[in-house]
Amino acid sequence: MSRLIFGWLTALMASLPLRLGYAIAGLLTEVHFRLFPARRHHALANLAVAMPRATRRERLQVVRRMMRSYNYMLFEFFRLPHLTRRELLDSVEVEGREHLEQAVARGRGVILASTHIGNWELAAVMLAHWGYTLYAVAGVQLNRWLAPAVRETKTELAIHTVSPEDGFRRLLRALEHNDLVALMVDGDLYSHGQPVEFFGRETTFPSGPGVLAQRTGALILCGYSERLGPGRFRIVIESAIDPAQFASVQAINAAVALTVERHIHDHLDQWCIFRPMWEGDPQADAVPASAGRSVEA
């Protein structure tokens, strides 16, 4: 049943004229903003750190743009299974693909460290269209009922979803086979974390990128997929972070954190994270339990 519902949703979104779909997603921004107070509150708390000199009004404007970007991403996500290879390739600009090709040529696999900017799902599909096998760590997507259908769809697109419960073993095997492992380092799907400085404050950062890189010698590539306009995107892949140049896992992860911090800073209005990124924030602590109406991304 979940597969049927998901298929119906993807067909419906694909049938909408592009600009009409974006217009509807944009109109629903205020609904998103009003009906999900916990999301709104956590985003404001995060922006208090990321935009320390901004007023509350300015931060609220950015939160609305973040929620609009998330609505756009959902519309784009449901259209993805119906896009042809040519339609997808024509809609995306790429910067730094040579960094990926050089890293793959080493034969040790590649760790992709990214954040929830723009349309991260589209970037994964692009990698599959380039002929790479991708293992992406992800938890519940959209909701628990639709999650199996989402996973099946991704598998059909050569994207293998790895749950946090699978541990590192499956990821290590993927790197041994010179495949790609994608980690969303601003998510909360990790059981082991390390303290790093992020936007000038200490927070817990997933240890996965550094641990995997140190164990396997795989290079880490940080990147993002930004939205340029309706149906237009740019994927940026930065030069590699070589674990051999760092003395510890924590130092590797600190380098990753510094890089993705810059990505987020430059694309705050497309940063779709609605959980508290820093512990002990008084605003986050004040969220009432009744406000926890949320949708897992």
C-alpha atoms as a PDB file:
ATOM      1  CA  MET A   1       0.000   0.000   0.000  1.00  0.00           C
ATOM      2  CA  SER A   2       2.787   2.431   0.872  1.00  0.00           C
ATOM      3  CA  ARG A   3       4.363   1.762  -2.521  1.00  0.00           C
ATOM      4  CA  LEU A   4       1.065   2.517  -4.265  1.00  0.00           C
ATOM      5  CA  ILE A   5       0.601   5.772  -2.351  1.00  0.00           C
ATOM      6  CA  PHE A   6       4.192   6.811  -3.002  1.00  0.00           C
ATOM      7  CA  GLY A   7       3.814   5.983  -6.699  1.00  0.00           C
ATOM      8  CA  TRP A   8       0.619   8.026  -6.862  1.00  0.00           C
ATOM      9  CA  LEU A   9       2.336  11.003  -5.211  1.00  0.00           C
ATOM     10  CA  THR A  10       5.305  10.868  -7.570  1.00  0.00           C
ATOM     11  CA  ALA A  11       3.016  10.622 -10.602  1.00  0.00           C
ATOM     12  CA  LEU A  12       0.922  13.546  -9.374  1.00  0.00           C
ATOM     13  CA  MET A  13       3.942  15.780  -8.772  1.00  0.00           C
ATOM     14  CA  ALA A  14       5.450  14.841 -12.133  1.00  0.00           C
ATOM     15  CA  SER A  15       2.184  15.740 -13.894  1.00  0.00           C
ATOM     16  CA  LEU A  16       2.152  19.289 -12.549  1.00  0.00           C
ATOM     17  CA  PRO A  17       3.676  22.026 -14.703  1.00  0.00           C
ATOM     18  CA  LEU A  18       7.003  22.920 -13.125  1.00  0.00           C
ATOM     19  CA  ARG A  19       6.184  26.509 -12.169  1.00  0.00           C
ATOM     20  CA  LEU A  20       2.754  25.525 -10.845  1.00  0.00           C
ATOM     21  CA  GLY A  21       4.317  22.911  -8.577  1.00  0.00           C
ATOM     22  CA  TYR A  22       6.804  25.416  -7.201  1.00  0.00           C
ATOM     23  CA  ALA A  23       4.046  27.985  -6.739  1.00  0.00           C
ATOM     24  CA  ILE A  24       1.952  25.549  -4.690  1.00  0.00           C
ATOM     25  CA  ALA A  25       4.981  24.550  -2.610  1.00  0.00           C
ATOM     26  CA  GLY A  26       5.712  28.214  -1.988  1.00  0.00           C
ATOM     27  CA  LEU A  27       2.136  28.976  -0.950  1.00  0.00           C
ATOM     28  CA  LEU A  28       2.336  26.181   1.634  1.00  0.00           C
ATOM     29  CA  THR A  29       5.304  27.835   3.349  1.00  0.00           C
ATOM     30  CA  GLU A  30       3.107  29.678   5.833  1.00  0.00           C
ATOM     31  CA  VAL A  31       1.251  26.435   6.619  1.00  0.00           C
ATOM     32  CA  HIS A  32       4.599  24.786   7.334  1.00  0.00           C
ATOM     33  CA  PHE A  33       5.669  27.751   9.456  1.00  0.00           C
ATOM     34  CA  ARG A  34       2.484  27.814  11.560  1.00  0.00           C
ATOM     35  CA  LEU A  35       1.750  24.108  11.988  1.00  0.00           C
ATOM     36  CA  PHE A  36       5.247  23.021  13.046  1.00  0.00           C
ATOM     37  CA  PRO A  37       6.206  25.259  15.993  1.00  0.00           C
ATOM     38  CA  ALA A  38       9.018  22.962  17.166  1.00  0.00           C
ATOM     39  CA  ARG A  39      10.659  23.172  13.749  1.00  0.00           C
ATOM     40  CA  ARG A  40      10.296  26.944  13.745  1.00  0.00           C
ATOM     41  CA  HIS A  41      11.728  27.219  17.246  1.00  0.00           C
ATOM     42  CA  HIS A  42      14.737  24.968  16.603  1.00  0.00           C
ATOM     43  CA  ALA A  43      15.550  26.792  13.364  1.00  0.00           C
ATOM     44  CA  LEU A  44      15.459  30.117  15.212  1.00  0.00           C
ATOM     45  CA  ALA A  45      17.748  28.715  17.918  1.00  0.00           C
ATOM     46  CA  ASN A  46      20.208  27.533  15.274  1.00  0.00           C
ATOM     47  CA  LEU A  47      20.148  30.886  13.504  1.00  0.00           C
ATOM     48  CA  ALA A  48      20.848  32.653  16.788  1.00  0.00           C
ATOM     49  CA  VAL A  49      24.273  30.984  16.582  1.00  0.00           C
ATOM     50  CA  ALA A  50      24.728  31.167  12.810  1.00  0.00           C
ATOM     51  CA  MET A  51      23.478  34.792  12.588  1.00  0.00           C
ATOM     52  CA  PRO A  52      24.492  36.300  15.959  1.00  0.00           C
ATOM     53  CA  ARG A  53      24.154  39.927  14.820  1.00  0.00           C
ATOM     54  CA  ALA A  54      20.760  39.538  13.157  1.00  0.00           C
ATOM     55  CA  THR A  55      17.493  40.611  14.750  1.00  0.00           C
ATOM     56  CA  ARG A  56      14.748  38.135  15.564  1.00  0.00           C
ATOM     57  CA  ARG A  57      12.705  39.538  12.674  1.00  0.00           C
ATOM     58  CA  GLU A  58      15.569  38.919  10.253  1.00  0.00           C
ATOM     59  CA  ARG A  59      15.977  35.373  11.541  1.00  0.00           C
ATOM     60  CA  LEU A  60      12.244  34.702  11.159  1.00  0.00           C
ATOM     61  CA  GLN A  61      12.482  35.784   7.532  1.00  0.00           C
ATOM     62  CA  VAL A  62      15.299  33.284   6.995  1.00  0.00           C
ATOM     63  CA  VAL A  63      13.302  30.528   8.752  1.00  0.00           C
ATOM     64  CA  ARG A  64      10.436  31.104   6.333  1.00  0.00           C
ATOM     65  CA  ARG A  65      12.834  30.825   3.397  1.00  0.00           C
ATOM     66  CA  MET A  66      14.297  27.630   4.889  1.00  0.00           C
ATOM     67  CA  MET A  67      10.813  26.121   5.147  1.00  0.00           C
ATOM     68  CA  ARG A  68       9.983  27.232   1.617  1.00  0.00           C
ATOM     69  CA  SER A  69      13.189  25.559   0.418  1.00  0.00           C
ATOM     70  CA  TYR A  70      12.166  22.353   2.195  1.00  0.00           C
ATOM     71  CA  ASN A  71       8.748  22.480   0.516  1.00  0.00           C
ATOM     72  CA  TYR A  72      10.481  22.928  -2.836  1.00  0.00           C
ATOM     73  CA  MET A  73      12.735  19.951  -2.082  1.00  0.00           C
ATOM     74  CA  LEU A  74       9.733  17.720  -1.376  1.00  0.00           C
ATOM     75  CA  PHE A  75       8.117  18.706  -4.677  1.00  0.00           C
ATOM     76  CA  GLU A  76      11.404  18.002  -6.493  1.00  0.00           C
ATOM     77  CA  PHE A  77      11.913  14.736  -4.624  1.00  0.00           C
ATOM     78  CA  PHE A  78       8.555  13.328  -5.726  1.00  0.00           C
ATOM     79  CA  ARG A  79       9.300  14.315  -9.342  1.00  0.00           C
ATOM     80  CA  LEU A  80      12.709  12.614  -9.385  1.00  0.00           C
ATOM     81  CA  PRO A  81      11.603   9.056 -10.281  1.00  0.00           C
ATOM     82  CA  HIS A  82       9.866  10.372 -13.416  1.00  0.00           C
ATOM     83  CA  LEU A  83      12.732  12.503 -14.742  1.00  0.00           C
ATOM     84  CA  THR A  84      14.619  11.124 -17.714  1.00  0.00           C
ATOM     85  CA  ARG A  85      18.386  10.983 -17.639  1.00  0.00           C
ATOM     86  CA  ARG A  86      18.568  13.850 -20.145  1.00  0.00           C
ATOM     87  CA  GLU A  87      16.133  16.025 -18.169  1.00  0.00           C
ATOM     88  CA  LEU A  88      18.163  15.508 -15.007  1.00  0.00           C
ATOM     89  CA  LEU A  89      21.560  16.153 -16.592  1.00  0.00           C
ATOM     90  CA  ASP A  90      20.275  19.269 -18.362  1.00  0.00           C
ATOM     91  CA  SER A  91      18.979  20.726 -15.087  1.00  0.00           C
ATOM     92  CA  VAL A  92      22.248  20.502 -13.139  1.00  0.00           C
ATOM     93  CA  GLU A  93      25.532  22.393 -13.293  1.00  0.00           C
ATOM     94  CA  VAL A  94      28.534  20.686 -11.727  1.00  0.00           C
ATOM     95  CA  GLU A  95      31.668  22.180 -10.219  1.00  0.00           C
ATOM     96  CA  GLY A  96      34.495  19.954  -9.063  1.00  0.00           C
ATOM     97  CA  ARG A  97      33.572  16.641 -10.669  1.00  0.00           C
ATOM     98  CA  GLU A  98      37.289  16.130 -11.316  1.00  0.00           C
ATOM     99  CA  HIS A  99      37.840  15.921  -7.554  1.00  0.00           C
ATOM    100  CA  LEU A 100      35.481  12.944  -7.385  1.00  0.00           C
ATOM    101  CA  GLU A 101      37.080  11.233 -10.361  1.00  0.00           C
ATOM    102  CA  GLN A 102      40.574  11.654  -8.907  1.00  0.00           C
ATOM    103  CA  ALA A 103      39.456  10.290  -5.526  1.00  0.00           C
ATOM    104  CA  VAL A 104      37.787   7.249  -7.089  1.00  0.00           C
ATOM    105  CA  ALA A 105      40.912   6.563  -9.161  1.00  0.00           C
ATOM    106  CA  ARG A 106      42.853   5.872  -5.922  1.00  0.00           C
ATOM    107  CA  GLY A 107      40.760   2.712  -5.449  1.00  0.00           C
ATOM    108  CA  ARG A 108      39.987   3.133  -1.744  1.00  0.00           C
ATOM    109  CA  GLY A 109      36.418   4.349  -2.010  1.00  0.00           C
ATOM    110  CA  VAL A 110      35.236   7.887  -1.359  1.00  0.00           C
ATOM    111  CA  ILE A 111      33.450   9.431   1.616  1.00  0.00           C
ATOM    112  CA  LEU A 112      31.052  12.220   0.671  1.00  0.00           C
ATOM    113  CA  ALA A 113      30.285  14.608   3.519  1.00  0.00           C
ATOM    114  CA  SER A 114      27.312  16.825   2.809  1.00  0.00           C
ATOM    115  CA  THR A 115      24.593  18.857   4.493  1.00  0.00           C
ATOM    116  CA  HIS A 116      20.875  19.411   4.013  1.00  0.00           C
ATOM    117  CA  ILE A 117      21.287  22.286   1.563  1.00  0.00           C
ATOM    118  CA  GLY A 118      19.037  22.728  -1.464  1.00  0.00           C
ATOM    119  CA  ASN A 119      18.249  19.265  -2.834  1.00  0.00           C
ATOM    120  CA  TRP A 120      20.640  16.669  -1.439  1.00  0.00           C
ATOM    121  CA  GLU A 121      18.533  13.807  -2.822  1.00  0.00           C
ATOM    122  CA  LEU A 122      19.001  15.067  -6.380  1.00  0.00           C
ATOM    123  CA  ALA A 123      22.776  15.058  -5.890  1.00  0.00           C
ATOM    124  CA  ALA A 124      22.645  11.371  -4.957  1.00  0.00           C
ATOM    125  CA  VAL A 125      20.640  10.550  -8.091  1.00  0.00           C
ATOM    126  CA  MET A 126      23.166  12.457 -10.211  1.00  0.00           C
ATOM    127  CA  LEU A 127      25.990  10.323  -8.832  1.00  0.00           C
ATOM    128  CA  ALA A 128      24.040   7.200  -9.781  1.00  0.00           C
ATOM    129  CA  HIS A 129      23.553   8.552 -13.319  1.00  0.00           C
ATOM    130  CA  TRP A 130      27.312   9.056 -13.542  1.00  0.00           C
ATOM    131  CA  GLY A 131      27.676   5.318 -12.977  1.00  0.00           C
ATOM    132  CA  TYR A 132      28.741   5.220  -9.326  1.00  0.00           C
ATOM    133  CA  THR A 133      27.295   2.966  -6.659  1.00  0.00           C
ATOM    134  CA  LEU A 134      26.322   5.022  -3.636  1.00  0.00           C
ATOM    135  CA  TYR A 135      25.657   3.952  -0.053  1.00  0.00           C
ATOM    136  CA  ALA A 136      23.800   6.632   1.879  1.00  0.00           C
ATOM    137  CA  VAL A 137      23.197   6.561   5.615  1.00  0.00           C
ATOM    138  CA  ALA A 138      19.596   7.541   6.348  1.00  0.00           C
ATOM    139  CA  GLY A 139      16.915   6.945   8.935  1.00  0.00           C
ATOM    140  CA  VAL A 140      13.171   7.371   8.546  1.00  0.00           C
ATOM    141  CA  GLN A 141      12.417   9.416   5.448  1.00  0.00           C
ATOM    142  CA  LEU A 142       9.188  11.423   5.057  1.00  0.00           C
ATOM    143  CA  ASN A 143       7.385   9.180   7.569  1.00  0.00           C
ATOM    144  CA  ARG A 144       7.533   5.622   8.844  1.00  0.00           C
ATOM    145  CA  TRP A 145       4.717   4.477   6.606  1.00  0.00           C
ATOM    146  CA  LEU A 146       6.262   5.743   3.353  1.00  0.00           C
ATOM    147  CA  ALA A 147       9.884   4.962   4.298  1.00  0.00           C
ATOM    148  CA  PRO A 148       9.919   1.431   2.737  1.00  0.00           C
ATOM    149  CA  ALA A 149       8.663   2.804  -0.583  1.00  0.00           C
ATOM    150  CA  VAL A 150      11.283   5.563  -0.505  1.00  0.00           C
ATOM    151  CA  ARG A 151      14.027   3.013   0.088  1.00  0.00           C
ATOM    152  CA  GLU A 152      12.798   0.796  -2.741  1.00  0.00           C
ATOM    153  CA  THR A 153      12.758   3.760  -5.114  1.00  0.00           C
ATOM    154  CA  LYS A 154      16.289   4.719  -4.151  1.00  0.00           C
ATOM    155  CA  THR A 155      17.498   1.162  -4.670  1.00  0.00           C
ATOM    156  CA  GLU A 156      16.080   1.259  -8.194  1.00  0.00           C
ATOM    157  CA  LEU A 157      18.174   4.391  -8.740  1.00  0.00           C
ATOM    158  CA  ALA A 158      21.359   2.556  -7.555  1.00  0.00           C
ATOM    159  CA  ILE A 159      21.299   4.329  -4.187  1.00  0.00           C
ATOM    160  CA  HIS A 160      21.645   1.866  -1.316  1.00  0.00           C
ATOM    161  CA  THR A 161      20.212   3.126   1.960  1.00  0.00           C
ATOM    162  CA  VAL A 162      22.095   2.092   5.090  1.00  0.00           C
ATOM    163  CA  SER A 163      20.358   2.471   8.427  1.00  0.00           C
ATOM    164  CA  PRO A 164      22.275   3.628  11.520  1.00  0.00           C
ATOM    165  CA  GLU A 165      21.651   0.192  13.064  1.00  0.00           C
ATOM    166  CA  ASP A 166      23.755  -1.430  10.326  1.00  0.00           C
ATOM    167  CA  GLY A 167      26.878   0.091  11.850  1.00  0.00           C
ATOM    168  CA  PHE A 168      30.178   0.711  10.081  1.00  0.00           C
ATOM    169  CA  ARG A 169      30.654  -2.792   8.694  1.00  0.00           C
ATOM    170  CA  ARG A 170      28.523  -2.289   5.581  1.00  0.00           C
ATOM    171  CA  LEU A 171      30.119   1.094   4.941  1.00  0.00           C
ATOM    172  CA  LEU A 172      33.602  -0.355   5.299  1.00  0.00           C
ATOM    173  CA  ARG A 173      32.743  -3.060   2.752  1.00  0.00           C
ATOM    174  CA  ALA A 174      31.467  -0.416   0.348  1.00  0.00           C
ATOM    175  CA  LEU A 175      34.725   1.524   0.598  1.00  0.00           C
ATOM    176  CA  GLU A 176      36.725  -1.682   0.130  1.00  0.00           C
ATOM    177  CA  HIS A 177      34.858  -2.129  -3.175  1.00  0.00           C
ATOM    178  CA  ASN A 178      35.751   1.460  -4.171  1.00  0.00           C
ATOM    179  CA  ASP A 179      32.144   2.624  -3.894  1.00  0.00           C
ATOM    180  CA  LEU A 180      30.881   5.938  -2.530  1.00  0.00           C
ATOM    181  CA  VAL A 181      29.595   6.460   1.010  1.00  0.00           C
ATOM    182  CA  ALA A 182      27.449   9.547   1.647  1.00  0.00           C
ATOM    183  CA  LEU A 183      27.115  10.985   5.150  1.00  0.00           C
ATOM    184  CA  MET A 184      24.854  13.918   6.039  1.00  0.00           C
ATOM    185  CA  VAL A 185      26.976  15.445   8.772  1.00  0.00           C
ATOM    186  CA  ASP A 186      24.376  17.935  10.020  1.00  0.00           C
ATOM    187  CA  GLY A 187      21.820  15.216  10.788  1.00  0.00           C
ATOM    188  CA  ASP A 188      21.294  13.415  14.082  1.00  0.00           C
ATOM    189  CA  LEU A 189      21.606   9.815  12.868  1.00  0.00           C
ATOM    190  CA  TYR A 190      24.722   8.792  14.720  1.00  0.00           C
ATOM    191  CA  SER A 191      25.456   7.085  18.008  1.00  0.00           C
ATOM    192  CA  HIS A 192      29.055   8.215  18.414  1.00  0.00           C
ATOM    193  CA  GLY A 193      29.999  11.866  18.220  1.00  0.00           C
ATOM    194  CA  GLN A 194      32.909  14.127  18.945  1.00  0.00           C
ATOM    195  CA  PRO A 195      33.017  17.751  20.062  1.00  0.00           C
ATOM    196  CA  VAL A 196      33.985  20.236  17.344  1.00  0.00           C
ATOM    197  CA  GLU A 197      33.742  23.980  16.979  1.00  0.00           C
ATOM    198  CA  PHE A 198      30.876  24.877  14.666  1.00  0.00           C
ATOM    199  CA  PHE A 199      29.958  28.506  14.008  1.00  0.00           C
ATOM    200  CA  GLY A 200      32.129  29.485  16.954  1.00  0.00           C
ATOM    201  CA  ARG A 201      30.451  27.173  19.468  1.00  0.00           C
ATOM    202  CA  GLU A 202      31.168  23.631  20.495  1.00  0.00           C
ATOM    203  CA  THR A 203      28.724  20.974  19.369  1.00  0.00           C
ATOM    204  CA  THR A 204      28.683  17.208  18.924  1.00  0.00           C
ATOM    205  CA  PHE A 205      29.653  16.138  15.416  1.00  0.00           C
ATOM    206  CA  PRO A 206      29.284  12.643  13.922  1.00  0.00           C
ATOM    207  CA  SER A 207      32.565  10.751  14.128  1.00  0.00           C
ATOM    208  CA  GLY A 208      31.800   8.696  10.993  1.00  0.00           C
ATOM    209  CA  PRO A 209      33.761  10.697   8.378  1.00  0.00           C
ATOM    210  CA  GLY A 210      36.976  10.688  10.387  1.00  0.00           C
ATOM    211  CA  VAL A 211      36.687   7.093  11.584  1.00  0.00           C
ATOM    212  CA  LEU A 212      35.953   5.674   8.131  1.00  0.00           C
ATOM    213  CA  ALA A 213      38.675   7.745   6.487  1.00  0.00           C
ATOM    214  CA  GLN A 214      41.303   6.793   9.038  1.00  0.00           C
ATOM    215  CA  ARG A 215      40.465   3.082   8.873  1.00  0.00           C
ATOM    216  CA  THR A 216      40.383   2.832   5.080  1.00  0.00           C
ATOM    217  CA  GLY A 217      42.497   5.691   3.774  1.00  0.00           C
ATOM    218  CA  ALA A 218      39.518   6.911   1.730  1.00  0.00           C
ATOM    219  CA  LEU A 219      39.483  10.592   0.865  1.00  0.00           C
ATOM    220  CA  ILE A 220      36.670  12.801   2.125  1.00  0.00           C
ATOM    221  CA  LEU A 221      34.938  15.103  -0.343  1.00  0.00           C
ATOM    222  CA  CYS A 222      32.663  17.823   1.023  1.00  0.00           C
ATOM    223  CA  GLY A 223      29.966  19.210  -1.228  1.00  0.00           C
ATOM    224  CA  TYR A 224      26.422  20.428  -1.593  1.00  0.00           C
ATOM    225  CA  SER A 225      23.594  20.779  -4.113  1.00  0.00           C
ATOM    226  CA  GLU A 226      22.112  24.277  -4.234  1.00  0.00           C
ATOM    227  CA  ARG A 227      18.952  25.390  -5.998  1.00  0.00           C
ATOM    228  CA  LEU A 228      19.573  28.102  -8.588  1.00  0.00           C
ATOM    229  CA  GLY A 229      15.940  28.503  -9.608  1.00  0.00           C
ATOM    230  CA  PRO A 230      12.878  26.419 -10.485  1.00  0.00           C
ATOM    231  CA  GLY A 231      14.239  23.110 -11.738  1.00  0.00           C
ATOM    232  CA  ARG A 232      17.831  24.406 -11.843  1.00  0.00           C
ATOM    233  CA  PHE A 233      20.639  23.218  -9.564  1.00  0.00           C
ATOM    234  CA  ARG A 234      24.372  23.407  -9.015  1.00  0.00           C
ATOM    235  CA  ILE A 235      26.375  20.577  -7.435  1.00  0.00           C
ATOM    236  CA  VAL A 236      29.678  21.670  -5.918  1.00  0.00           C
ATOM    237  CA  ILE A 237      32.357  19.124  -4.944  1.00  0.00           C
ATOM    238  CA  GLU A 238      35.349  20.511  -3.084  1.00  0.00           C
ATOM    239  CA  SER A 239      38.922  19.247  -3.188  1.00  0.00           C
ATOM    240  CA  ALA A 240      39.669  16.214  -1.041  1.00  0.00           C
ATOM    241  CA  ILE A 241      40.437  16.054   2.645  1.00  0.00           C
ATOM    242  CA  ASP A 242      43.200  13.445   2.991  1.00  0.00           C
ATOM    243  CA  PRO A 243      43.141  11.609   6.338  1.00  0.00           C
ATOM    244  CA  ALA A 244      46.894  11.005   6.070  1.00  0.00           C
ATOM    245  CA  GLN A 245      47.450  14.720   6.673  1.00  0.00           C
ATOM    246  CA  PHE A 246      45.764  14.698  10.086  1.00  0.00           C
ATOM    247  CA  ALA A 247      46.942  13.323  13.396  1.00  0.00           C
ATOM    248  CA  SER A 248      43.587  12.130  14.725  1.00  0.00           C
ATOM    249  CA  VAL A 249      39.965  11.383  13.902  1.00  0.00           C
ATOM    250  CA  GLN A 250      38.943  14.535  15.746  1.00  0.00           C
ATOM    251  CA  ALA A 251      41.257  16.649  13.598  1.00  0.00           C
ATOM    252  CA  ILE A 252      39.763  15.142  10.434  1.00  0.00           C
ATOM    253  CA  ASN A 253      36.240  15.849  11.612  1.00  0.00           C
ATOM    254  CA  ALA A 254      37.196  19.390  12.611  1.00  0.00           C
ATOM    255  CA  ALA A 255      38.355  19.983   9.025  1.00  0.00           C
ATOM    256  CA  VAL A 256      35.066  18.601   7.682  1.00  0.00           C
ATOM    257  CA  ALA A 257      33.089  20.768  10.116  1.00  0.00           C
ATOM    258  CA  LEU A 258      34.978  23.887   9.050  1.00  0.00           C
ATOM    259  CA  THR A 259      34.243  23.195   5.380  1.00  0.00           C
ATOM    260  CA  VAL A 260      30.536  22.445   5.736  1.00  0.00           C
ATOM    261  CA  GLU A 261      30.139  25.445   8.062  1.00  0.00           C
ATOM    262  CA  ARG A 262      31.159  27.626   5.119  1.00  0.00           C
ATOM    263  CA  HIS A 263      28.659  25.861   2.869  1.00  0.00           C
ATOM    264  CA  ILE A 264      25.839  26.430   5.343  1.00  0.00           C
ATOM    265  CA  HIS A 265      26.818  30.041   6.017  1.00  0.00           C
ATOM    266  CA  ASP A 266      26.625  30.801   2.288  1.00  0.00           C
ATOM    267  CA  HIS A 267      23.252  29.036   1.862  1.00  0.00           C
ATOM    268  CA  LEU A 268      21.355  29.602   5.112  1.00  0.00           C
ATOM    269  CA  ASP A 269      18.017  30.093   3.378  1.00  0.00           C
ATOM    270  CA  GLN A 270      18.356  26.642   1.738  1.00  0.00           C
ATOM    271  CA  TRP A 271      19.590  24.862   4.888  1.00  0.00           C
ATOM    272  CA  CYS A 272      16.767  22.463   5.771  1.00  0.00           C
ATOM    273  CA  ILE A 273      17.603  21.461   9.342  1.00  0.00           C
ATOM    274  CA  PHE A 274      14.904  21.828  11.987  1.00  0.00           C
ATOM    275  CA  ARG A 275      16.514  20.258  15.046  1.00  0.00           C
ATOM    276  CA  PRO A 276      18.741  21.960  17.650  1.00  0.00           C
ATOM    277  CA  MET A 277      22.351  21.820  16.479  1.00  0.00           C
ATOM    278  CA  TRP A 278      23.840  23.017  19.744  1.00  0.00           C
ATOM    279  CA  GLU A 279      23.105  21.480  23.137  1.00  0.00           C
ATOM    280  CA  GLY A 280      22.246  23.627  26.118  1.00  0.00           C
ATOM    281  CA  ASP A 281      20.686  26.393  24.048  1.00  0.00           C
ATOM    282  CA  PRO A 282      18.114  28.153  26.247  1.00  0.00           C
ATOM    283  CA  GLN A 283      15.731  28.637  23.345  1.00  0.00           C
ATOM    284  CA  ALA A 284      15.836  24.939  22.446  1.00  0.00           C
ATOM    285  CA  ASP A 285      15.367  23.930  26.073  1.00  0.00           C
ATOM    286  CA  ALA A 286      12.223  26.045  26.269  1.00  0.00           C
ATOM    287  CA  VAL A 287      10.321  24.138  23.587  1.00  0.00           C
ATOM    288  CA  PRO A 288       7.192  22.647  25.170  1.00  0.00           C
ATOM    289  CA  ALA A 289       6.600  18.949  24.698  1.00  0.00           C
ATOM    290  CA  SER A 290       3.274  19.712  23.046  1.00  0.00           C
ATOM    291  CA  ALA A 291       5.087  21.584  20.274  1.00  0.00           C
ATOM    292  CA  GLY A 292       6.813  18.476  18.987  1.00  0.00           C
ATOM    293  CA  ARG A 293       4.762  18.123  15.826  1.00  0.00           C
ATOM    294  CA  SER A 294       7.431  17.220  13.318  1.00  0.00           C
ATOM    295  CA  VAL A 295       8.155  15.352  10.135  1.00  0.00           C
ATOM    296  CA  GLU A 296      11.423  13.470   9.832  1.00  0.00           C
ATOM    297  CA  ALA A 297      13.437  14.312   6.758  1.00  0.00           C
END
